[in-house]
Amino acid sequence: MYIVKQIMHFFVENVIN
């Protein structure tokens, strides 16, 4: 899914920050 990938990336960036 496209949206799922976007959300996963956003979540990863949030966790890293």
N, C-alpha and C. Protein backbone atom coordinates (compact mmCIF):
# COMPACT_ATOMS: atom_id res chain seq x y z
N MET A 1 0.86 -1.21 0.00
CA MET A 1 0.00 0.00 0.00
C MET A 1 0.89 1.25 0.00
N TYR A 2 0.38 2.29 -0.60
CA TYR A 2 1.17 3.53 -0.68
C TYR A 2 1.07 4.33 0.62
N ILE A 3 -0.16 4.50 1.09
CA ILE A 3 -0.36 5.27 2.33
C ILE A 3 0.36 4.60 3.50
N VAL A 4 0.27 3.29 3.55
CA VAL A 4 0.92 2.56 4.66
C VAL A 4 2.41 2.88 4.68
N LYS A 5 3.03 2.88 3.51
CA LYS A 5 4.47 3.15 3.44
C LYS A 5 4.75 4.58 3.94
N GLN A 6 3.91 5.50 3.57
CA GLN A 6 4.10 6.89 4.00
C GLN A 6 3.99 6.99 5.52
N ILE A 7 2.98 6.34 6.07
CA ILE A 7 2.78 6.37 7.53
C ILE A 7 3.97 5.73 8.24
N MET A 8 4.43 4.60 7.70
CA MET A 8 5.57 3.92 8.34
C MET A 8 6.78 4.84 8.34
N HIS A 9 7.03 5.49 7.24
CA HIS A 9 8.18 6.40 7.16
C HIS A 9 8.01 7.54 8.17
N PHE A 10 6.81 8.09 8.24
CA PHE A 10 6.55 9.18 9.18
C PHE A 10 6.78 8.71 10.61
N PHE A 11 6.30 7.53 10.92
CA PHE A 11 6.46 6.98 12.27
C PHE A 11 7.93 6.79 12.59
N VAL A 12 8.67 6.27 11.64
CA VAL A 12 10.11 6.03 11.85
C VAL A 12 10.81 7.36 12.12
N GLU A 13 10.50 8.37 11.34
CA GLU A 13 11.14 9.67 11.54
C GLU A 13 10.78 10.23 12.91
N ASN A 14 9.54 10.05 13.32
CA ASN A 14 9.11 10.54 14.62
C ASN A 14 9.88 9.83 15.74
N VAL A 15 10.04 8.54 15.61
CA VAL A 15 10.75 7.77 16.65
C VAL A 15 12.21 8.20 16.70
N ILE A 16 12.82 8.38 15.54
CA ILE A 16 14.24 8.76 15.51
C ILE A 16 14.42 10.14 16.13
N ASN A 17 13.47 11.04 15.86
CA ASN A 17 13.60 12.39 16.41
C ASN A 17 13.34 12.33 17.90
